[in-house]
Amino acid sequence: LKDVYALFMAGGHGTCTDFINSPDLKKAIETVFNSDGKIVASVCHGPMCFTDCVKPDGTPLVSGLKVTGFSNTEEEAVGLQSTVPFLLESKLKELGGLYERGDDWNSKVVVDGEFITGQNPQSSTECAKAIITKLGEQ
């Protein structure tokens, strides 16, 4: 991962199982996050991957960071709130993330240093643009 400048995790409901309890993904995210100037980003349900990750001091990775991801009301709108392992918005808040949201089904991207997240599928393009902009600053 030393030659990686940005690590992006896509969204979709598959991440609700694929990204949780994945030691390899957890290690990759923590390694990149803890490297100066490297970008960690995700969109929609992708931020599920951050819920297992911690900072070097053992606190949750999202603690104190501005973050977004698929909102509780969007999950309820698609009727899958009882299928997913947890509501992402609630979990990010529980872990100390400073959750921000836009209106349902509208683009919302949050940038906190090199940590970039998008709320929903409609945020994908804006999230990609934020990553490209941040890479251009390096």
C-alpha atoms as a PDB file:
ATOM      1  CA  LEU A   1       0.000   0.000   0.000  1.00  0.00           C
ATOM      2  CA  LYS A   2       2.998   2.312   0.031  1.00  0.00           C
ATOM      3  CA  ASP A   3       2.350   3.298  -3.607  1.00  0.00           C
ATOM      4  CA  VAL A   4      -1.386   3.900  -3.064  1.00  0.00           C
ATOM      5  CA  TYR A   5      -2.474   7.544  -3.046  1.00  0.00           C
ATOM      6  CA  ALA A   6      -6.186   6.942  -2.571  1.00  0.00           C
ATOM      7  CA  LEU A   7      -8.268   4.009  -1.352  1.00  0.00           C
ATOM      8  CA  PHE A   8     -11.914   4.076  -2.463  1.00  0.00           C
ATOM      9  CA  MET A   9     -14.622   1.675  -1.333  1.00  0.00           C
ATOM     10  CA  ALA A  10     -17.713   1.572  -3.532  1.00  0.00           C
ATOM     11  CA  GLY A  11     -21.229   1.323  -2.146  1.00  0.00           C
ATOM     12  CA  GLY A  12     -24.201  -0.942  -2.648  1.00  0.00           C
ATOM     13  CA  HIS A  13     -25.976  -3.339  -0.333  1.00  0.00           C
ATOM     14  CA  GLY A  14     -23.345  -6.036  -0.949  1.00  0.00           C
ATOM     15  CA  THR A  15     -20.960  -4.053   1.211  1.00  0.00           C
ATOM     16  CA  CYS A  16     -23.222  -4.787   4.187  1.00  0.00           C
ATOM     17  CA  THR A  17     -21.735  -8.277   4.260  1.00  0.00           C
ATOM     18  CA  ASP A  18     -18.522  -7.961   2.241  1.00  0.00           C
ATOM     19  CA  PHE A  19     -17.040  -5.004   4.134  1.00  0.00           C
ATOM     20  CA  ILE A  20     -17.858  -6.030   7.701  1.00  0.00           C
ATOM     21  CA  ASN A  21     -15.495  -8.311   9.624  1.00  0.00           C
ATOM     22  CA  SER A  22     -12.942  -8.239   6.794  1.00  0.00           C
ATOM     23  CA  PRO A  23      -9.487  -8.210   8.405  1.00  0.00           C
ATOM     24  CA  ASP A  24      -7.718  -7.508   5.101  1.00  0.00           C
ATOM     25  CA  LEU A  25      -9.919  -4.522   4.280  1.00  0.00           C
ATOM     26  CA  LYS A  26      -9.652  -3.230   7.857  1.00  0.00           C
ATOM     27  CA  LYS A  27      -5.854  -3.405   7.700  1.00  0.00           C
ATOM     28  CA  ALA A  28      -5.739  -1.671   4.300  1.00  0.00           C
ATOM     29  CA  ILE A  29      -8.003   1.172   5.436  1.00  0.00           C
ATOM     30  CA  GLU A  30      -6.124   1.707   8.685  1.00  0.00           C
ATOM     31  CA  THR A  31      -2.766   1.629   6.895  1.00  0.00           C
ATOM     32  CA  VAL A  32      -3.786   4.196   4.279  1.00  0.00           C
ATOM     33  CA  PHE A  33      -5.678   6.380   6.777  1.00  0.00           C
ATOM     34  CA  ASN A  34      -2.645   6.547   9.062  1.00  0.00           C
ATOM     35  CA  SER A  35      -0.291   7.511   6.214  1.00  0.00           C
ATOM     36  CA  ASP A  36       0.230  11.241   5.765  1.00  0.00           C
ATOM     37  CA  GLY A  37      -1.503  12.704   2.729  1.00  0.00           C
ATOM     38  CA  LYS A  38      -3.239   9.532   1.583  1.00  0.00           C
ATOM     39  CA  ILE A  39      -6.946   9.596   0.826  1.00  0.00           C
ATOM     40  CA  VAL A  40      -9.556   7.201   2.187  1.00  0.00           C
ATOM     41  CA  ALA A  41     -12.979   7.528   0.575  1.00  0.00           C
ATOM     42  CA  SER A  42     -16.279   5.745   0.230  1.00  0.00           C
ATOM     43  CA  VAL A  43     -19.854   6.325  -0.908  1.00  0.00           C
ATOM     44  CA  CYS A  44     -23.382   5.111  -0.087  1.00  0.00           C
ATOM     45  CA  HIS A  45     -23.208   1.853   1.928  1.00  0.00           C
ATOM     46  CA  GLY A  46     -19.435   1.690   1.441  1.00  0.00           C
ATOM     47  CA  PRO A  47     -18.728   3.459   4.747  1.00  0.00           C
ATOM     48  CA  MET A  48     -19.859   0.205   6.412  1.00  0.00           C
ATOM     49  CA  CYS A  49     -16.154  -0.647   6.044  1.00  0.00           C
ATOM     50  CA  PHE A  50     -15.168   2.052   8.534  1.00  0.00           C
ATOM     51  CA  THR A  51     -17.184   0.620  11.415  1.00  0.00           C
ATOM     52  CA  ASP A  52     -14.544  -2.016  12.256  1.00  0.00           C
ATOM     53  CA  CYS A  53     -11.570   0.336  11.842  1.00  0.00           C
ATOM     54  CA  VAL A  54      -9.689   2.150  14.581  1.00  0.00           C
ATOM     55  CA  LYS A  55      -7.117   4.904  14.881  1.00  0.00           C
ATOM     56  CA  PRO A  56      -3.666   4.118  16.346  1.00  0.00           C
ATOM     57  CA  ASP A  57      -4.952   5.041  19.823  1.00  0.00           C
ATOM     58  CA  GLY A  58      -7.745   2.446  19.537  1.00  0.00           C
ATOM     59  CA  THR A  59     -10.634   4.890  19.104  1.00  0.00           C
ATOM     60  CA  PRO A  60     -13.081   4.289  16.254  1.00  0.00           C
ATOM     61  CA  LEU A  61     -11.734   5.580  12.937  1.00  0.00           C
ATOM     62  CA  VAL A  62     -14.757   7.842  12.386  1.00  0.00           C
ATOM     63  CA  SER A  63     -14.688   9.325  15.888  1.00  0.00           C
ATOM     64  CA  GLY A  64     -14.473  13.100  15.581  1.00  0.00           C
ATOM     65  CA  LEU A  65     -14.510  13.014  11.783  1.00  0.00           C
ATOM     66  CA  LYS A  66     -17.128  14.581   9.539  1.00  0.00           C
ATOM     67  CA  VAL A  67     -18.727  11.683   7.686  1.00  0.00           C
ATOM     68  CA  THR A  68     -21.765  10.671   5.683  1.00  0.00           C
ATOM     69  CA  GLY A  69     -23.223   7.485   4.241  1.00  0.00           C
ATOM     70  CA  PHE A  70     -26.602   5.997   3.372  1.00  0.00           C
ATOM     71  CA  SER A  71     -29.104   7.659   5.706  1.00  0.00           C
ATOM     72  CA  ASN A  72     -31.608   5.917   7.949  1.00  0.00           C
ATOM     73  CA  THR A  73     -34.513   7.438   6.016  1.00  0.00           C
ATOM     74  CA  GLU A  74     -33.095   6.264   2.689  1.00  0.00           C
ATOM     75  CA  GLU A  75     -32.721   2.729   4.088  1.00  0.00           C
ATOM     76  CA  GLU A  76     -36.318   2.840   5.313  1.00  0.00           C
ATOM     77  CA  ALA A  77     -37.464   4.133   1.911  1.00  0.00           C
ATOM     78  CA  VAL A  78     -36.010   1.066   0.168  1.00  0.00           C
ATOM     79  CA  GLY A  79     -37.487  -1.199   2.863  1.00  0.00           C
ATOM     80  CA  LEU A  80     -34.248  -2.914   3.832  1.00  0.00           C
ATOM     81  CA  GLN A  81     -33.774  -1.558   7.356  1.00  0.00           C
ATOM     82  CA  SER A  82     -34.424  -5.015   8.821  1.00  0.00           C
ATOM     83  CA  THR A  83     -32.096  -6.714   6.320  1.00  0.00           C
ATOM     84  CA  VAL A  84     -28.915  -4.693   6.843  1.00  0.00           C
ATOM     85  CA  PRO A  85     -26.773  -5.525   9.897  1.00  0.00           C
ATOM     86  CA  PHE A  86     -27.291  -1.981  11.239  1.00  0.00           C
ATOM     87  CA  LEU A  87     -28.455   1.399  10.045  1.00  0.00           C
ATOM     88  CA  LEU A  88     -25.298   3.080   8.807  1.00  0.00           C
ATOM     89  CA  GLU A  89     -26.219   6.617   9.892  1.00  0.00           C
ATOM     90  CA  SER A  90     -26.951   5.430  13.428  1.00  0.00           C
ATOM     91  CA  LYS A  91     -23.769   3.347  13.617  1.00  0.00           C
ATOM     92  CA  LEU A  92     -21.519   6.163  12.409  1.00  0.00           C
ATOM     93  CA  LYS A  93     -23.031   8.462  15.052  1.00  0.00           C
ATOM     94  CA  GLU A  94     -22.688   5.761  17.732  1.00  0.00           C
ATOM     95  CA  LEU A  95     -18.970   5.515  16.909  1.00  0.00           C
ATOM     96  CA  GLY A  96     -18.523   9.257  17.371  1.00  0.00           C
ATOM     97  CA  GLY A  97     -18.671  10.270  13.723  1.00  0.00           C
ATOM     98  CA  LEU A  98     -19.939  13.774  13.016  1.00  0.00           C
ATOM     99  CA  TYR A  99     -22.624  12.570  10.619  1.00  0.00           C
ATOM    100  CA  GLU A 100     -23.866  15.027   7.999  1.00  0.00           C
ATOM    101  CA  ARG A 101     -26.713  14.401   5.603  1.00  0.00           C
ATOM    102  CA  GLY A 102     -28.423  15.982   2.684  1.00  0.00           C
ATOM    103  CA  ASP A 103     -31.959  15.470   1.500  1.00  0.00           C
ATOM    104  CA  ASP A 104     -32.766  11.869   0.580  1.00  0.00           C
ATOM    105  CA  TRP A 105     -31.644  10.880  -2.918  1.00  0.00           C
ATOM    106  CA  ASN A 106     -29.669  14.103  -3.419  1.00  0.00           C
ATOM    107  CA  SER A 107     -25.914  14.346  -3.659  1.00  0.00           C
ATOM    108  CA  LYS A 108     -24.069  15.020  -0.401  1.00  0.00           C
ATOM    109  CA  VAL A 109     -20.299  14.692  -0.077  1.00  0.00           C
ATOM    110  CA  VAL A 110     -18.313  15.381   3.069  1.00  0.00           C
ATOM    111  CA  VAL A 111     -14.588  16.101   3.012  1.00  0.00           C
ATOM    112  CA  ASP A 112     -12.643  16.059   6.276  1.00  0.00           C
ATOM    113  CA  GLY A 113      -8.976  16.345   5.405  1.00  0.00           C
ATOM    114  CA  GLU A 114      -8.134  13.244   3.367  1.00  0.00           C
ATOM    115  CA  PHE A 115     -11.291  11.439   4.515  1.00  0.00           C
ATOM    116  CA  ILE A 116     -14.057  11.714   1.884  1.00  0.00           C
ATOM    117  CA  THR A 117     -17.532  10.189   2.027  1.00  0.00           C
ATOM    118  CA  GLY A 118     -20.693  10.372  -0.081  1.00  0.00           C
ATOM    119  CA  GLN A 119     -24.218   9.782   1.204  1.00  0.00           C
ATOM    120  CA  ASN A 120     -25.900   7.795  -1.566  1.00  0.00           C
ATOM    121  CA  PRO A 121     -25.623   6.683  -5.209  1.00  0.00           C
ATOM    122  CA  GLN A 122     -26.438  10.222  -6.326  1.00  0.00           C
ATOM    123  CA  SER A 123     -23.230  11.338  -4.579  1.00  0.00           C
ATOM    124  CA  SER A 124     -20.913   9.121  -6.644  1.00  0.00           C
ATOM    125  CA  THR A 125     -19.851  11.706  -9.230  1.00  0.00           C
ATOM    126  CA  GLU A 126     -19.326  14.483  -6.687  1.00  0.00           C
ATOM    127  CA  CYS A 127     -17.384  12.084  -4.458  1.00  0.00           C
ATOM    128  CA  ALA A 128     -15.102  11.118  -7.360  1.00  0.00           C
ATOM    129  CA  LYS A 129     -14.551  14.790  -8.165  1.00  0.00           C
ATOM    130  CA  ALA A 130     -13.629  15.494  -4.525  1.00  0.00           C
ATOM    131  CA  ILE A 131     -11.054  12.673  -4.632  1.00  0.00           C
ATOM    132  CA  ILE A 132      -9.564  13.994  -7.896  1.00  0.00           C
ATOM    133  CA  THR A 133      -9.410  17.521  -6.484  1.00  0.00           C
ATOM    134  CA  LYS A 134      -7.700  16.282  -3.334  1.00  0.00           C
ATOM    135  CA  LEU A 135      -5.194  14.249  -5.388  1.00  0.00           C
ATOM    136  CA  GLY A 136      -4.412  17.387  -7.391  1.00  0.00           C
ATOM    137  CA  GLU A 137      -3.508  19.205  -4.173  1.00  0.00           C
ATOM    138  CA  GLN A 138      -0.758  16.709  -3.389  1.00  0.00           C
END
